[in-house]
PDB file of N, CA and C in Angstrom:
ATOM      1  N   UNK A   1     -65.239  46.133 -27.209  1.00  0.00           N
ATOM      2  CA  UNK A   1     -65.179  45.252 -26.075  1.00  0.00           C
ATOM      3  C   UNK A   1     -64.785  43.854 -26.500  1.00  0.00           C
ATOM      4  N   UNK A   2     -65.351  43.434 -27.620  1.00  0.00           N
ATOM      5  CA  UNK A   2     -65.028  42.106 -28.120  1.00  0.00           C
ATOM      6  C   UNK A   2     -63.562  42.020 -28.490  1.00  0.00           C
ATOM      7  N   UNK A   3     -63.078  43.109 -29.088  1.00  0.00           N
ATOM      8  CA  UNK A   3     -61.662  43.128 -29.461  1.00  0.00           C
ATOM      9  C   UNK A   3     -60.786  43.046 -28.208  1.00  0.00           C
ATOM     10  N   UNK A   4     -61.178  43.730 -27.166  1.00  0.00           N
ATOM     11  CA  UNK A   4     -60.391  43.723 -25.932  1.00  0.00           C
ATOM     12  C   UNK A   4     -60.382  42.328 -25.320  1.00  0.00           C
ATOM     13  N   UNK A   5     -61.544  41.670 -25.351  1.00  0.00           N
ATOM     14  CA  UNK A   5     -61.612  40.307 -24.818  1.00  0.00           C
ATOM     15  C   UNK A   5     -60.739  39.376 -25.655  1.00  0.00           C
ATOM     16  N   UNK A   6     -60.807  39.547 -26.984  1.00  0.00           N
ATOM     17  CA  UNK A   6     -59.982  38.725 -27.880  1.00  0.00           C
ATOM     18  C   UNK A   6     -58.502  38.952 -27.630  1.00  0.00           C
ATOM     19  N   UNK A   7     -58.124  40.208 -27.396  1.00  0.00           N
ATOM     20  CA  UNK A   7     -56.715  40.527 -27.150  1.00  0.00           C
ATOM     21  C   UNK A   7     -56.256  39.904 -25.831  1.00  0.00           C
ATOM     22  N   UNK A   8     -57.103  39.954 -24.823  1.00  0.00           N
ATOM     23  CA  UNK A   8     -56.756  39.356 -23.531  1.00  0.00           C
ATOM     24  C   UNK A   8     -56.626  37.839 -23.668  1.00  0.00           C
ATOM     25  N   UNK A   9     -57.578  37.248 -24.428  1.00  0.00           N
ATOM     26  CA  UNK A   9     -57.508  35.797 -24.643  1.00  0.00           C
ATOM     27  C   UNK A   9     -56.232  35.419 -25.394  1.00  0.00           C
ATOM     28  N   UNK A  10     -55.884  36.240 -26.407  1.00  0.00           N
ATOM     29  CA  UNK A  10     -54.654  35.975 -27.175  1.00  0.00           C
ATOM     30  C   UNK A  10     -53.420  36.080 -26.267  1.00  0.00           C
ATOM     31  N   UNK A  11     -53.428  37.131 -25.452  1.00  0.00           N
ATOM     32  CA  UNK A  11     -52.309  37.316 -24.524  1.00  0.00           C
ATOM     33  C   UNK A  11     -52.235  36.136 -23.547  1.00  0.00           C
ATOM     34  N   UNK A  12     -53.414  35.679 -23.083  1.00  0.00           N
ATOM     35  CA  UNK A  12     -53.482  34.543 -22.170  1.00  0.00           C
ATOM     36  C   UNK A  12     -52.940  33.283 -22.843  1.00  0.00           C
ATOM     37  N   UNK A  13     -53.315  33.079 -24.122  1.00  0.00           N
ATOM     38  CA  UNK A  13     -52.795  31.926 -24.876  1.00  0.00           C
ATOM     39  C   UNK A  13     -51.276  32.013 -25.019  1.00  0.00           C
ATOM     40  N   UNK A  14     -50.785  33.221 -25.328  1.00  0.00           N
ATOM     41  CA  UNK A  14     -49.333  33.414 -25.484  1.00  0.00           C
ATOM     42  C   UNK A  14     -48.596  33.101 -24.174  1.00  0.00           C
ATOM     43  N   UNK A  15     -49.152  33.592 -23.063  1.00  0.00           N
ATOM     44  CA  UNK A  15     -48.535  33.332 -21.761  1.00  0.00           C
ATOM     45  C   UNK A  15     -48.566  31.840 -21.422  1.00  0.00           C
ATOM     46  N   UNK A  16     -49.690  31.195 -21.760  1.00  0.00           N
ATOM     47  CA  UNK A  16     -49.804  29.763 -21.498  1.00  0.00           C
ATOM     48  C   UNK A  16     -48.741  28.983 -22.284  1.00  0.00           C
ATOM     49  N   UNK A  17     -48.583  29.360 -23.572  1.00  0.00           N
ATOM     50  CA  UNK A  17     -47.580  28.678 -24.411  1.00  0.00           C
ATOM     51  C   UNK A  17     -46.155  28.947 -23.894  1.00  0.00           C
ATOM     52  N   UNK A  18     -45.918  30.181 -23.474  1.00  0.00           N
ATOM     53  CA  UNK A  18     -44.597  30.509 -22.925  1.00  0.00           C
ATOM     54  C   UNK A  18     -44.348  29.714 -21.644  1.00  0.00           C
ATOM     55  N   UNK A  19     -45.398  29.588 -20.834  1.00  0.00           N
ATOM     56  CA  UNK A  19     -45.284  28.814 -19.595  1.00  0.00           C
ATOM     57  C   UNK A  19     -44.999  27.347 -19.895  1.00  0.00           C
ATOM     58  N   UNK A  20     -45.681  26.812 -20.921  1.00  0.00           N
ATOM     59  CA  UNK A  20     -45.450  25.423 -21.320  1.00  0.00           C
ATOM     60  C   UNK A  20     -44.001  25.233 -21.791  1.00  0.00           C
ATOM     61  N   UNK A  21     -43.526  26.201 -22.597  1.00  0.00           N
ATOM     62  CA  UNK A  21     -42.143  26.121 -23.093  1.00  0.00           C
ATOM     63  C   UNK A  21     -41.156  26.207 -21.926  1.00  0.00           C
ATOM     64  N   UNK A  22     -41.451  27.115 -20.984  1.00  0.00           N
ATOM     65  CA  UNK A  22     -40.583  27.249 -19.806  1.00  0.00           C
ATOM     66  C   UNK A  22     -40.575  25.978 -18.971  1.00  0.00           C
ATOM     67  N   UNK A  23     -41.760  25.356 -18.838  1.00  0.00           N
ATOM     68  CA  UNK A  23     -41.844  24.113 -18.071  1.00  0.00           C
ATOM     69  C   UNK A  23     -41.037  23.008 -18.745  1.00  0.00           C
ATOM     70  N   UNK A  24     -41.096  22.978 -20.094  1.00  0.00           N
ATOM     71  CA  UNK A  24     -40.324  21.961 -20.823  1.00  0.00           C
ATOM     72  C   UNK A  24     -38.825  22.178 -20.619  1.00  0.00           C
ATOM     73  N   UNK A  25     -38.403  23.443 -20.692  1.00  0.00           N
ATOM     74  CA  UNK A  25     -36.979  23.752 -20.481  1.00  0.00           C
ATOM     75  C   UNK A  25     -36.571  23.387 -19.054  1.00  0.00           C
ATOM     76  N   UNK A  26     -37.441  23.741 -18.103  1.00  0.00           N
ATOM     77  CA  UNK A  26     -37.159  23.433 -16.700  1.00  0.00           C
ATOM     78  C   UNK A  26     -37.060  21.925 -16.483  1.00  0.00           C
ATOM     79  N   UNK A  27     -37.949  21.174 -17.133  1.00  0.00           N
ATOM     80  CA  UNK A  27     -37.932  19.716 -17.024  1.00  0.00           C
ATOM     81  C   UNK A  27     -36.631  19.146 -17.586  1.00  0.00           C
ATOM     82  N   UNK A  28     -36.212  19.692 -18.744  1.00  0.00           N
ATOM     83  CA  UNK A  28     -34.944  19.232 -19.344  1.00  0.00           C
ATOM     84  C   UNK A  28     -33.770  19.568 -18.417  1.00  0.00           C
ATOM     85  N   UNK A  29     -33.832  20.743 -17.810  1.00  0.00           N
ATOM     86  CA  UNK A  29     -32.757  21.133 -16.892  1.00  0.00           C
ATOM     87  C   UNK A  29     -32.722  20.204 -15.680  1.00  0.00           C
ATOM     88  N   UNK A  30     -33.901  19.860 -15.169  1.00  0.00           N
ATOM     89  CA  UNK A  30     -33.955  18.938 -14.031  1.00  0.00           C
ATOM     90  C   UNK A  30     -33.422  17.557 -14.416  1.00  0.00           C
ATOM     91  N   UNK A  31     -33.790  17.115 -15.634  1.00  0.00           N
ATOM     92  CA  UNK A  31     -33.274  15.822 -16.103  1.00  0.00           C
ATOM     93  C   UNK A  31     -31.756  15.862 -16.254  1.00  0.00           C
ATOM     94  N   UNK A  32     -31.249  16.982 -16.790  1.00  0.00           N
ATOM     95  CA  UNK A  32     -29.797  17.122 -16.955  1.00  0.00           C
ATOM     96  C   UNK A  32     -29.113  17.142 -15.589  1.00  0.00           C
ATOM     97  N   UNK A  33     -29.735  17.830 -14.634  1.00  0.00           N
ATOM     98  CA  UNK A  33     -29.181  17.895 -13.282  1.00  0.00           C
ATOM     99  C   UNK A  33     -29.158  16.505 -12.640  1.00  0.00           C
ATOM    100  N   UNK A  34     -30.252  15.770 -12.838  1.00  0.00           N
ATOM    101  CA  UNK A  34     -30.313  14.408 -12.294  1.00  0.00           C
ATOM    102  C   UNK A  34     -29.249  13.519 -12.938  1.00  0.00           C
ATOM    103  N   UNK A  35     -29.086  13.679 -14.261  1.00  0.00           N
ATOM    104  CA  UNK A  35     -28.060  12.895 -14.959  1.00  0.00           C
ATOM    105  C   UNK A  35     -26.670  13.259 -14.451  1.00  0.00           C
ATOM    106  N   UNK A  36     -26.455  14.559 -14.217  1.00  0.00           N
ATOM    107  CA  UNK A  36     -25.164  15.016 -13.707  1.00  0.00           C
ATOM    108  C   UNK A  36     -24.905  14.458 -12.310  1.00  0.00           C
ATOM    109  N   UNK A  37     -25.934  14.473 -11.475  1.00  0.00           N
ATOM    110  CA  UNK A  37     -25.787  13.895 -10.133  1.00  0.00           C
ATOM    111  C   UNK A  37     -25.472  12.403 -10.210  1.00  0.00           C
ATOM    112  N   UNK A  38     -26.163  11.725 -11.130  1.00  0.00           N
ATOM    113  CA  UNK A  38     -25.894  10.297 -11.313  1.00  0.00           C
ATOM    114  C   UNK A  38     -24.462  10.052 -11.748  1.00  0.00           C
ATOM    115  N   UNK A  39     -23.988  10.893 -12.681  1.00  0.00           N
ATOM    116  CA  UNK A  39     -22.606  10.753 -13.152  1.00  0.00           C
ATOM    117  C   UNK A  39     -21.622  11.037 -12.020  1.00  0.00           C
ATOM    118  N   UNK A  40     -21.928  12.068 -11.230  1.00  0.00           N
ATOM    119  CA  UNK A  40     -21.046  12.385 -10.092  1.00  0.00           C
ATOM    120  C   UNK A  40     -21.014  11.244  -9.084  1.00  0.00           C
ATOM    121  N   UNK A  41     -22.188  10.676  -8.816  1.00  0.00           N
ATOM    122  CA  UNK A  41     -22.240   9.547  -7.874  1.00  0.00           C
ATOM    123  C   UNK A  41     -21.449   8.355  -8.406  1.00  0.00           C
ATOM    124  N   UNK A  42     -21.614   8.106  -9.713  1.00  0.00           N
ATOM    125  CA  UNK A  42     -20.861   7.003 -10.323  1.00  0.00           C
ATOM    126  C   UNK A  42     -19.363   7.282 -10.244  1.00  0.00           C
ATOM    127  N   UNK A  43     -18.996   8.541 -10.518  1.00  0.00           N
ATOM    128  CA  UNK A  43     -17.579   8.921 -10.422  1.00  0.00           C
ATOM    129  C   UNK A  43     -17.048   8.748  -9.014  1.00  0.00           C
ATOM    130  N   UNK A  44     -17.854   9.165  -8.023  1.00  0.00           N
ATOM    131  CA  UNK A  44     -17.440   8.994  -6.622  1.00  0.00           C
ATOM    132  C   UNK A  44     -17.267   7.519  -6.283  1.00  0.00           C
ATOM    133  N   UNK A  45     -18.184   6.701  -6.791  1.00  0.00           N
ATOM    134  CA  UNK A  45     -18.099   5.259  -6.532  1.00  0.00           C
ATOM    135  C   UNK A  45     -16.831   4.678  -7.145  1.00  0.00           C
ATOM    136  N   UNK A  46     -16.530   5.114  -8.376  1.00  0.00           N
ATOM    137  CA  UNK A  46     -15.323   4.617  -9.061  1.00  0.00           C
ATOM    138  C   UNK A  46     -14.072   5.045  -8.297  1.00  0.00           C
ATOM    139  N   UNK A  47     -14.041   6.310  -7.868  1.00  0.00           N
ATOM    140  CA  UNK A  47     -12.877   6.808  -7.120  1.00  0.00           C
ATOM    141  C   UNK A  47     -12.716   6.040  -5.809  1.00  0.00           C
ATOM    142  N   UNK A  48     -13.844   5.831  -5.113  1.00  0.00           N
ATOM    143  CA  UNK A  48     -13.777   5.088  -3.841  1.00  0.00           C
ATOM    144  C   UNK A  48     -13.272   3.667  -4.071  1.00  0.00           C
ATOM    145  N   UNK A  49     -13.768   3.037  -5.145  1.00  0.00           N
ATOM    146  CA  UNK A  49     -13.321   1.672  -5.455  1.00  0.00           C
ATOM    147  C   UNK A  49     -11.838   1.660  -5.810  1.00  0.00           C
ATOM    148  N   UNK A  50     -11.409   2.675  -6.570  1.00  0.00           N
ATOM    149  CA  UNK A  50      -9.993   2.750  -6.950  1.00  0.00           C
ATOM    150  C   UNK A  50      -9.111   2.931  -5.717  1.00  0.00           C
ATOM    151  N   UNK A  51      -9.550   3.802  -4.800  1.00  0.00           N
ATOM    152  CA  UNK A  51      -8.771   4.015  -3.575  1.00  0.00           C
ATOM    153  C   UNK A  51      -8.717   2.750  -2.727  1.00  0.00           C
ATOM    154  N   UNK A  52      -9.857   2.055  -2.658  1.00  0.00           N
ATOM    155  CA  UNK A  52      -9.892   0.808  -1.889  1.00  0.00           C
ATOM    156  C   UNK A  52      -8.970  -0.229  -2.528  1.00  0.00           C
ATOM    157  N   UNK A  53      -9.006  -0.298  -3.867  1.00  0.00           N
ATOM    158  CA  UNK A  53      -8.134  -1.235  -4.586  1.00  0.00           C
ATOM    159  C   UNK A  53      -6.673  -0.886  -4.349  1.00  0.00           C
ATOM    160  N   UNK A  54      -6.376   0.429  -4.420  1.00  0.00           N
ATOM    161  CA  UNK A  54      -4.994   0.862  -4.193  1.00  0.00           C
ATOM    162  C   UNK A  54      -4.540   0.494  -2.781  1.00  0.00           C
ATOM    163  N   UNK A  55      -5.423   0.727  -1.797  1.00  0.00           N
ATOM    164  CA  UNK A  55      -5.076   0.387  -0.411  1.00  0.00           C
ATOM    165  C   UNK A  55      -4.856  -1.113  -0.269  1.00  0.00           C
ATOM    166  N   UNK A  56      -5.736  -1.889  -0.905  1.00  0.00           N
ATOM    167  CA  UNK A  56      -5.603  -3.352  -0.842  1.00  0.00           C
ATOM    168  C   UNK A  56      -4.288  -3.791  -1.477  1.00  0.00           C
ATOM    169  N   UNK A  57      -3.981  -3.201  -2.640  1.00  0.00           N
ATOM    170  CA  UNK A  57      -2.721  -3.548  -3.313  1.00  0.00           C
ATOM    171  C   UNK A  57      -1.525  -3.154  -2.455  1.00  0.00           C
ATOM    172  N   UNK A  58      -1.598  -1.945  -1.888  1.00  0.00           N
ATOM    173  CA  UNK A  58      -0.490  -1.498  -1.036  1.00  0.00           C
ATOM    174  C   UNK A  58      -0.317  -2.417   0.165  1.00  0.00           C
ATOM    175  N   UNK A  59      -1.443  -2.783   0.802  1.00  0.00           N
ATOM    176  CA  UNK A  59      -1.356  -3.697   1.946  1.00  0.00           C
ATOM    177  C   UNK A  59      -0.787  -5.040   1.519  1.00  0.00           C
ATOM    178  N   UNK A  60      -1.217  -5.506   0.339  1.00  0.00           N
ATOM    179  CA  UNK A  60      -0.695  -6.774  -0.171  1.00  0.00           C
ATOM    180  C   UNK A  60       0.803  -6.695  -0.423  1.00  0.00           C
ATOM    181  N   UNK A  61       1.234  -5.575  -1.019  1.00  0.00           N
ATOM    182  CA  UNK A  61       2.667  -5.403  -1.286  1.00  0.00           C
ATOM    183  C   UNK A  61       3.456  -5.300   0.019  1.00  0.00           C
ATOM    184  N   UNK A  62       2.893  -4.568   0.979  1.00  0.00           N
ATOM    185  CA  UNK A  62       3.574  -4.433   2.275  1.00  0.00           C
ATOM    186  C   UNK A  62       3.699  -5.793   2.951  1.00  0.00           C
ATOM    187  N   UNK A  63       2.609  -6.558   2.922  1.00  0.00           N
ATOM    188  CA  UNK A  63       2.656  -7.889   3.550  1.00  0.00           C
ATOM    189  C   UNK A  63       3.642  -8.802   2.834  1.00  0.00           C
ATOM    190  N   UNK A  64       3.643  -8.730   1.491  1.00  0.00           N
ATOM    191  CA  UNK A  64       4.591  -9.549   0.727  1.00  0.00           C
ATOM    192  C   UNK A  64       6.024  -9.138   1.056  1.00  0.00           C
ATOM    193  N   UNK A  65       6.237  -7.827   1.193  1.00  0.00           N
ATOM    194  CA  UNK A  65       7.571  -7.332   1.531  1.00  0.00           C
ATOM    195  C   UNK A  65       7.982  -7.791   2.931  1.00  0.00           C
ATOM    196  N   UNK A  66       7.020  -7.759   3.862  1.00  0.00           N
ATOM    197  CA  UNK A  66       7.319  -8.229   5.225  1.00  0.00           C
ATOM    198  C   UNK A  66       7.723  -9.698   5.212  1.00  0.00           C
ATOM    199  N   UNK A  67       6.974 -10.494   4.448  1.00  0.00           N
ATOM    200  CA  UNK A  67       7.294 -11.925   4.358  1.00  0.00           C
ATOM    201  C   UNK A  67       8.671 -12.112   3.740  1.00  0.00           C
ATOM    202  N   UNK A  68       8.927 -11.337   2.675  1.00  0.00           N
ATOM    203  CA  UNK A  68      10.223 -11.438   2.001  1.00  0.00           C
ATOM    204  C   UNK A  68      11.360 -11.036   2.938  1.00  0.00           C
ATOM    205  N   UNK A  69      11.154  -9.920   3.649  1.00  0.00           N
ATOM    206  CA  UNK A  69      12.194  -9.461   4.574  1.00  0.00           C
ATOM    207  C   UNK A  69      12.403 -10.455   5.715  1.00  0.00           C
ATOM    208  N   UNK A  70      11.301 -11.040   6.176  1.00  0.00           N
ATOM    209  CA  UNK A  70      11.430 -12.053   7.235  1.00  0.00           C
ATOM    210  C   UNK A  70      12.239 -13.237   6.730  1.00  0.00           C
ATOM    211  N   UNK A  71      11.976 -13.640   5.477  1.00  0.00           N
ATOM    212  CA  UNK A  71      12.738 -14.742   4.884  1.00  0.00           C
ATOM    213  C   UNK A  71      14.204 -14.393   4.737  1.00  0.00           C
ATOM    214  N   UNK A  72      14.470 -13.163   4.269  1.00  0.00           N
ATOM    215  CA  UNK A  72      15.864 -12.722   4.116  1.00  0.00           C
ATOM    216  C   UNK A  72      16.552 -12.690   5.477  1.00  0.00           C
ATOM    217  N   UNK A  73      15.846 -12.150   6.474  1.00  0.00           N
ATOM    218  CA  UNK A  73      16.407 -12.074   7.829  1.00  0.00           C
ATOM    219  C   UNK A  73      16.681 -13.468   8.381  1.00  0.00           C
ATOM    220  N   UNK A  74      15.756 -14.384   8.137  1.00  0.00           N
ATOM    221  CA  UNK A  74      15.935 -15.763   8.601  1.00  0.00           C
ATOM    222  C   UNK A  74      17.151 -16.393   7.937  1.00  0.00           C
ATOM    223  N   UNK A  75      17.272 -16.181   6.605  1.00  0.00           N
ATOM    224  CA  UNK A  75      18.437 -16.716   5.888  1.00  0.00           C
ATOM    225  C   UNK A  75      19.728 -16.103   6.412  1.00  0.00           C
ATOM    226  N   UNK A  76      19.677 -14.780   6.659  1.00  0.00           N
ATOM    227  CA  UNK A  76      20.877 -14.110   7.171  1.00  0.00           C
ATOM    228  C   UNK A  76      21.257 -14.670   8.538  1.00  0.00           C
ATOM    229  N   UNK A  77      20.244 -14.880   9.382  1.00  0.00           N
ATOM    230  CA  UNK A  77      20.523 -15.440  10.714  1.00  0.00           C
ATOM    231  C   UNK A  77      21.092 -16.854  10.608  1.00  0.00           C
ATOM    232  N   UNK A  78      20.524 -17.646   9.701  1.00  0.00           N
ATOM    233  CA  UNK A  78      21.033 -19.012   9.519  1.00  0.00           C
ATOM    234  C   UNK A  78      22.470 -18.986   9.009  1.00  0.00           C
ATOM    235  N   UNK A  79      22.725 -18.083   8.041  1.00  0.00           N
ATOM    236  CA  UNK A  79      24.083 -17.993   7.492  1.00  0.00           C
ATOM    237  C   UNK A  79      25.072 -17.512   8.548  1.00  0.00           C
ATOM    238  N   UNK A  80      24.626 -16.561   9.382  1.00  0.00           N
ATOM    239  CA  UNK A  80      25.509 -16.081  10.454  1.00  0.00           C
ATOM    240  C   UNK A  80      25.806 -17.208  11.443  1.00  0.00           C
ATOM    241  N   UNK A  81      24.772 -17.990  11.759  1.00  0.00           N
ATOM    242  CA  UNK A  81      24.975 -19.117  12.682  1.00  0.00           C
ATOM    243  C   UNK A  81      25.925 -20.144  12.071  1.00  0.00           C
ATOM    244  N   UNK A  82      25.744 -20.398  10.772  1.00  0.00           N
ATOM    245  CA  UNK A  82      26.640 -21.353  10.096  1.00  0.00           C
ATOM    246  C   UNK A  82      28.075 -20.827  10.086  1.00  0.00           C
ATOM    247  N   UNK A  83      28.215 -19.523   9.826  1.00  0.00           N
ATOM    248  CA  UNK A  83      29.560 -18.941   9.792  1.00  0.00           C
ATOM    249  C   UNK A  83      30.207 -19.013  11.173  1.00  0.00           C
ATOM    250  N   UNK A  84      29.411 -18.698  12.201  1.00  0.00           N
ATOM    251  CA  UNK A  84      29.953 -18.769  13.566  1.00  0.00           C
ATOM    252  C   UNK A  84      30.330 -20.199  13.919  1.00  0.00           C
ATOM    253  N   UNK A  85      29.490 -21.131  13.528  1.00  0.00           N
ATOM    254  CA  UNK A  85      29.771 -22.546  13.788  1.00  0.00           C
ATOM    255  C   UNK A  85      31.022 -22.986  13.033  1.00  0.00           C
ATOM    256  N   UNK A  86      31.109 -22.527  11.768  1.00  0.00           N
ATOM    257  CA  UNK A  86      32.288 -22.870  10.967  1.00  0.00           C
ATOM    258  C   UNK A  86      33.556 -22.293  11.570  1.00  0.00           C
ATOM    259  N   UNK A  87      33.463 -21.033  12.034  1.00  0.00           N
ATOM    260  CA  UNK A  87      34.635 -20.406  12.658  1.00  0.00           C
ATOM    261  C   UNK A  87      35.006 -21.136  13.943  1.00  0.00           C
ATOM    262  N   UNK A  88      34.008 -21.522  14.696  1.00  0.00           N
ATOM    263  CA  UNK A  88      34.258 -22.264  15.940  1.00  0.00           C
ATOM    264  C   UNK A  88      34.910 -23.611  15.640  1.00  0.00           C
ATOM    265  N   UNK A  89      34.385 -24.288  14.607  1.00  0.00           N
ATOM    266  CA  UNK A  89      34.978 -25.578  14.221  1.00  0.00           C
ATOM    267  C   UNK A  89      36.418 -25.403  13.763  1.00  0.00           C
ATOM    268  N   UNK A  90      36.646 -24.343  12.968  1.00  0.00           N
ATOM    269  CA  UNK A  90      38.007 -24.097  12.479  1.00  0.00           C
ATOM    270  C   UNK A  90      38.940 -23.809  13.650  1.00  0.00           C
ATOM    271  N   UNK A  91      38.434 -23.021  14.600  1.00  0.00           N
ATOM    272  CA  UNK A  91      39.234 -22.695  15.780  1.00  0.00           C
ATOM    273  C   UNK A  91      39.547 -23.951  16.592  1.00  0.00           C
ATOM    274  N   UNK A  92      38.531 -24.784  16.766  1.00  0.00           N
ATOM    275  CA  UNK A  92      38.746 -26.041  17.500  1.00  0.00           C
ATOM    276  C   UNK A  92      39.723 -26.941  16.760  1.00  0.00           C
ATOM    277  N   UNK A  93      39.594 -26.993  15.434  1.00  0.00           N
ATOM    278  CA  UNK A  93      40.518 -27.816  14.636  1.00  0.00           C
ATOM    279  C   UNK A  93      41.941 -27.310  14.768  1.00  0.00           C
ATOM    280  N   UNK A  94      42.110 -25.974  14.724  1.00  0.00           N
ATOM    281  CA  UNK A  94      43.455 -25.409  14.872  1.00  0.00           C
ATOM    282  C   UNK A  94      44.030 -25.757  16.245  1.00  0.00           C
ATOM    283  N   UNK A  95      43.188 -25.606  17.264  1.00  0.00           N
ATOM    284  CA  UNK A  95      43.651 -25.908  18.621  1.00  0.00           C
ATOM    285  C   UNK A  95      44.049 -27.380  18.730  1.00  0.00           C
ATOM    286  N   UNK A  96      43.194 -28.243  18.173  1.00  0.00           N
ATOM    287  CA  UNK A  96      43.484 -29.681  18.224  1.00  0.00           C
ATOM    288  C   UNK A  96      44.778 -29.992  17.466  1.00  0.00           C
ATOM    289  N   UNK A  97      44.898 -29.402  16.261  1.00  0.00           N
ATOM    290  CA  UNK A  97      46.098 -29.650  15.447  1.00  0.00           C
ATOM    291  C   UNK A  97      47.350 -29.118  16.129  1.00  0.00           C
ATOM    292  N   UNK A  98      47.227 -27.934  16.732  1.00  0.00           N
ATOM    293  CA  UNK A  98      48.395 -27.363  17.413  1.00  0.00           C
ATOM    294  C   UNK A  98      48.785 -28.193  18.625  1.00  0.00           C
ATOM    295  N   UNK A  99      47.765 -28.694  19.327  1.00  0.00           N
ATOM    296  CA  UNK A  99      48.084 -29.541  20.478  1.00  0.00           C
ATOM    297  C   UNK A  99      48.754 -30.831  20.023  1.00  0.00           C
ATOM    298  N   UNK A 100      48.314 -31.329  18.876  1.00  0.00           N
ATOM    299  CA  UNK A 100      48.925 -32.558  18.360  1.00  0.00           C
ATOM    300  C   UNK A 100      50.356 -32.286  17.904  1.00  0.00           C
ATOM    301  N   UNK A 101      50.568 -31.096  17.297  1.00  0.00           N
ATOM    302  CA  UNK A 101      51.907 -30.776  16.790  1.00  0.00           C
ATOM    303  C   UNK A 101      52.858 -30.416  17.932  1.00  0.00           C
ATOM    304  N   UNK A 102      52.333 -29.683  18.901  1.00  0.00           N
ATOM    305  CA  UNK A 102      53.187 -29.210  19.997  1.00  0.00           C
ATOM    306  C   UNK A 102      52.588 -29.649  21.335  1.00  0.00           C
ATOM    307  N   UNK A 103      52.723 -30.922  21.651  1.00  0.00           N
ATOM    308  CA  UNK A 103      52.062 -31.430  22.867  1.00  0.00           C
ATOM    309  C   UNK A 103      52.577 -30.795  24.154  1.00  0.00           C
ATOM    310  N   UNK A 104      53.809 -30.319  24.165  1.00  0.00           N
ATOM    311  CA  UNK A 104      54.376 -29.765  25.405  1.00  0.00           C
ATOM    312  C   UNK A 104      54.290 -28.248  25.471  1.00  0.00           C
ATOM    313  N   UNK A 105      53.653 -27.638  24.460  1.00  0.00           N
ATOM    314  CA  UNK A 105      53.647 -26.172  24.401  1.00  0.00           C
ATOM    315  C   UNK A 105      52.911 -25.574  25.586  1.00  0.00           C
ATOM    316  N   UNK A 106      51.758 -26.141  25.937  1.00  0.00           N
ATOM    317  CA  UNK A 106      50.987 -25.580  27.053  1.00  0.00           C
ATOM    318  C   UNK A 106      51.779 -25.663  28.348  1.00  0.00           C
ATOM    319  N   UNK A 107      52.399 -26.800  28.589  1.00  0.00           N
ATOM    320  CA  UNK A 107      53.183 -26.967  29.817  1.00  0.00           C
ATOM    321  C   UNK A 107      54.378 -26.026  29.819  1.00  0.00           C
ATOM    322  N   UNK A 108      55.051 -25.900  28.664  1.00  0.00           N
ATOM    323  CA  UNK A 108      56.219 -25.025  28.586  1.00  0.00           C
ATOM    324  C   UNK A 108      55.814 -23.582  28.819  1.00  0.00           C
ATOM    325  N   UNK A 109      54.668 -23.174  28.246  1.00  0.00           N
ATOM    326  CA  UNK A 109      54.208 -21.800  28.437  1.00  0.00           C
ATOM    327  C   UNK A 109      53.883 -21.564  29.902  1.00  0.00           C
ATOM    328  N   UNK A 110      53.229 -22.528  30.507  1.00  0.00           N
ATOM    329  CA  UNK A 110      52.902 -22.397  31.931  1.00  0.00           C
ATOM    330  C   UNK A 110      54.152 -22.269  32.782  1.00  0.00           C
ATOM    331  N   UNK A 111      55.184 -23.057  32.496  1.00  0.00           N
ATOM    332  CA  UNK A 111      56.430 -22.991  33.260  1.00  0.00           C
ATOM    333  C   UNK A 111      57.108 -21.649  33.077  1.00  0.00           C
ATOM    334  N   UNK A 112      57.070 -21.119  31.828  1.00  0.00           N
ATOM    335  CA  UNK A 112      57.708 -19.846  31.527  1.00  0.00           C
ATOM    336  C   UNK A 112      57.026 -18.723  32.303  1.00  0.00           C
ATOM    337  N   UNK A 113      55.683 -18.756  32.300  1.00  0.00           N
ATOM    338  CA  UNK A 113      54.934 -17.722  33.029  1.00  0.00           C
ATOM    339  C   UNK A 113      55.219 -17.829  34.522  1.00  0.00           C
ATOM    340  N   UNK A 114      55.276 -19.031  35.038  1.00  0.00           N
ATOM    341  CA  UNK A 114      55.564 -19.215  36.467  1.00  0.00           C
ATOM    342  C   UNK A 114      56.944 -18.680  36.838  1.00  0.00           C
ATOM    343  N   UNK A 115      57.905 -18.847  35.930  1.00  0.00           N
ATOM    344  CA  UNK A 115      59.254 -18.345  36.208  1.00  0.00           C
ATOM    345  C   UNK A 115      59.261 -16.826  36.257  1.00  0.00           C
ATOM    346  N   UNK A 116      58.464 -16.175  35.376  1.00  0.00           N
ATOM    347  CA  UNK A 116      58.412 -14.706  35.370  1.00  0.00           C
ATOM    348  C   UNK A 116      57.796 -14.212  36.669  1.00  0.00           C
ATOM    349  N   UNK A 117      56.747 -14.882  37.111  1.00  0.00           N
ATOM    350  CA  UNK A 117      56.079 -14.461  38.352  1.00  0.00           C
ATOM    351  C   UNK A 117      57.012 -14.727  39.520  1.00  0.00           C
TER     352      UNK A 117
END
């Protein structure tokens, strides 16, 4: 009987030690899981920050491009206006010069057209 009690106690001690070892392994696994979750959260935070930075950079580039294009468009419009003004001035100068060179041309042309009609 004593031997049986001793064997049961030994078995109980063995089970207790196995349970302690299992609890230690389980604790390490939980710690590893927590560390993994922390790393995943940190990774998610980094990715979110990177995406936000990328969006900010893209918006900044788009806005800079809009400003640049607006400036180019403004310059193009100014240059077109200058060219039109220059062409108008040249046309007026030609008309003035031609009138000075041929003062009777308009009257002669008018008389010629009247004769045809």
